[in-house]
Amino acid sequence: MEIMAGNIAGTICLDALKDMENVYALGTLEDLQGEIQIFNGEVSIVVLVTVLFSYLLH
């Protein structure tokens, strides 16, 4: 419910979950800048990249 209240700050250290067997999770990075995927203890981080195309159009 914290997200619904506007709290999008990071609250967990991923080292606590790394290499743990049978751990599966999906969540957002701090300030919604990407997502975290954990599949059987393997942590993957997907980062949102914003590219400005206006420079290329001129």
C-alpha atoms as a PDB file:
ATOM      1  CA  MET A   1       0.000   0.000   0.000  1.00  0.00           C
ATOM      2  CA  GLU A   2       2.959   2.341   0.317  1.00  0.00           C
ATOM      3  CA  ILE A   3       3.125   2.697  -3.466  1.00  0.00           C
ATOM      4  CA  MET A   4      -0.539   3.682  -3.550  1.00  0.00           C
ATOM      5  CA  ALA A   5       0.325   6.432  -1.051  1.00  0.00           C
ATOM      6  CA  GLY A   6       3.057   7.755  -3.369  1.00  0.00           C
ATOM      7  CA  ASN A   7       6.116   6.174  -1.721  1.00  0.00           C
ATOM      8  CA  ILE A   8       8.319   4.918  -4.583  1.00  0.00           C
ATOM      9  CA  ALA A   9      11.628   4.863  -2.683  1.00  0.00           C
ATOM     10  CA  GLY A  10      13.834   1.763  -2.601  1.00  0.00           C
ATOM     11  CA  THR A  11      13.413  -0.243   0.603  1.00  0.00           C
ATOM     12  CA  ILE A  12      15.431  -3.484   0.309  1.00  0.00           C
ATOM     13  CA  CYS A  13      19.025  -4.489  -0.271  1.00  0.00           C
ATOM     14  CA  LEU A  14      19.196  -7.062  -3.092  1.00  0.00           C
ATOM     15  CA  ASP A  15      22.182  -8.794  -1.509  1.00  0.00           C
ATOM     16  CA  ALA A  16      19.758 -10.221   1.049  1.00  0.00           C
ATOM     17  CA  LEU A  17      17.979 -12.138  -1.742  1.00  0.00           C
ATOM     18  CA  LYS A  18      20.916 -13.007  -3.993  1.00  0.00           C
ATOM     19  CA  ASP A  19      21.675 -16.702  -4.539  1.00  0.00           C
ATOM     20  CA  MET A  20      18.774 -17.918  -2.380  1.00  0.00           C
ATOM     21  CA  GLU A  21      17.184 -21.046  -3.834  1.00  0.00           C
ATOM     22  CA  ASN A  22      13.489 -21.013  -4.738  1.00  0.00           C
ATOM     23  CA  VAL A  23      13.183 -17.224  -4.522  1.00  0.00           C
ATOM     24  CA  TYR A  24      11.087 -15.625  -7.276  1.00  0.00           C
ATOM     25  CA  ALA A  25      10.129 -11.952  -7.325  1.00  0.00           C
ATOM     26  CA  LEU A  26       9.262  -9.038  -9.577  1.00  0.00           C
ATOM     27  CA  GLY A  27       9.362  -5.402  -8.519  1.00  0.00           C
ATOM     28  CA  THR A  28      10.246  -1.862  -9.520  1.00  0.00           C
ATOM     29  CA  LEU A  29      13.477   0.040  -9.086  1.00  0.00           C
ATOM     30  CA  GLU A  30      13.491   3.144  -6.945  1.00  0.00           C
ATOM     31  CA  ASP A  31      11.491   6.016  -8.478  1.00  0.00           C
ATOM     32  CA  LEU A  32      10.057   3.591 -11.072  1.00  0.00           C
ATOM     33  CA  GLN A  33      13.207   3.776 -13.221  1.00  0.00           C
ATOM     34  CA  GLY A  34      13.118   0.088 -14.172  1.00  0.00           C
ATOM     35  CA  GLU A  35      12.357  -3.312 -12.735  1.00  0.00           C
ATOM     36  CA  ILE A  36      13.967  -6.083 -10.737  1.00  0.00           C
ATOM     37  CA  GLN A  37      13.426  -9.740 -11.605  1.00  0.00           C
ATOM     38  CA  ILE A  38      14.535 -12.596  -9.366  1.00  0.00           C
ATOM     39  CA  PHE A  39      14.232 -16.139 -10.680  1.00  0.00           C
ATOM     40  CA  ASN A  40      15.528 -18.899  -8.419  1.00  0.00           C
ATOM     41  CA  GLY A  41      17.892 -16.490  -6.673  1.00  0.00           C
ATOM     42  CA  GLU A  42      19.339 -14.959  -9.871  1.00  0.00           C
ATOM     43  CA  VAL A  43      18.843 -11.181  -9.796  1.00  0.00           C
ATOM     44  CA  SER A  44      18.310  -9.264 -13.054  1.00  0.00           C
ATOM     45  CA  ILE A  45      17.823  -5.520 -13.278  1.00  0.00           C
ATOM     46  CA  VAL A  46      16.153  -3.868 -16.252  1.00  0.00           C
ATOM     47  CA  VAL A  47      16.748  -0.120 -16.456  1.00  0.00           C
ATOM     48  CA  LEU A  48      14.488   2.323 -18.260  1.00  0.00           C
ATOM     49  CA  VAL A  49      16.409   4.373 -20.836  1.00  0.00           C
ATOM     50  CA  THR A  50      14.845   7.531 -22.224  1.00  0.00           C
ATOM     51  CA  VAL A  51      16.153   8.711 -25.577  1.00  0.00           C
ATOM     52  CA  LEU A  52      15.374  12.140 -26.971  1.00  0.00           C
ATOM     53  CA  PHE A  53      14.750  11.985 -30.718  1.00  0.00           C
ATOM     54  CA  SER A  54      14.165  15.712 -31.277  1.00  0.00           C
ATOM     55  CA  TYR A  55      17.882  16.264 -31.944  1.00  0.00           C
ATOM     56  CA  LEU A  56      17.872  13.613 -34.659  1.00  0.00           C
ATOM     57  CA  LEU A  57      14.823  15.088 -36.380  1.00  0.00           C
ATOM     58  CA  HIS A  58      16.422  18.500 -37.027  1.00  0.00           C
END
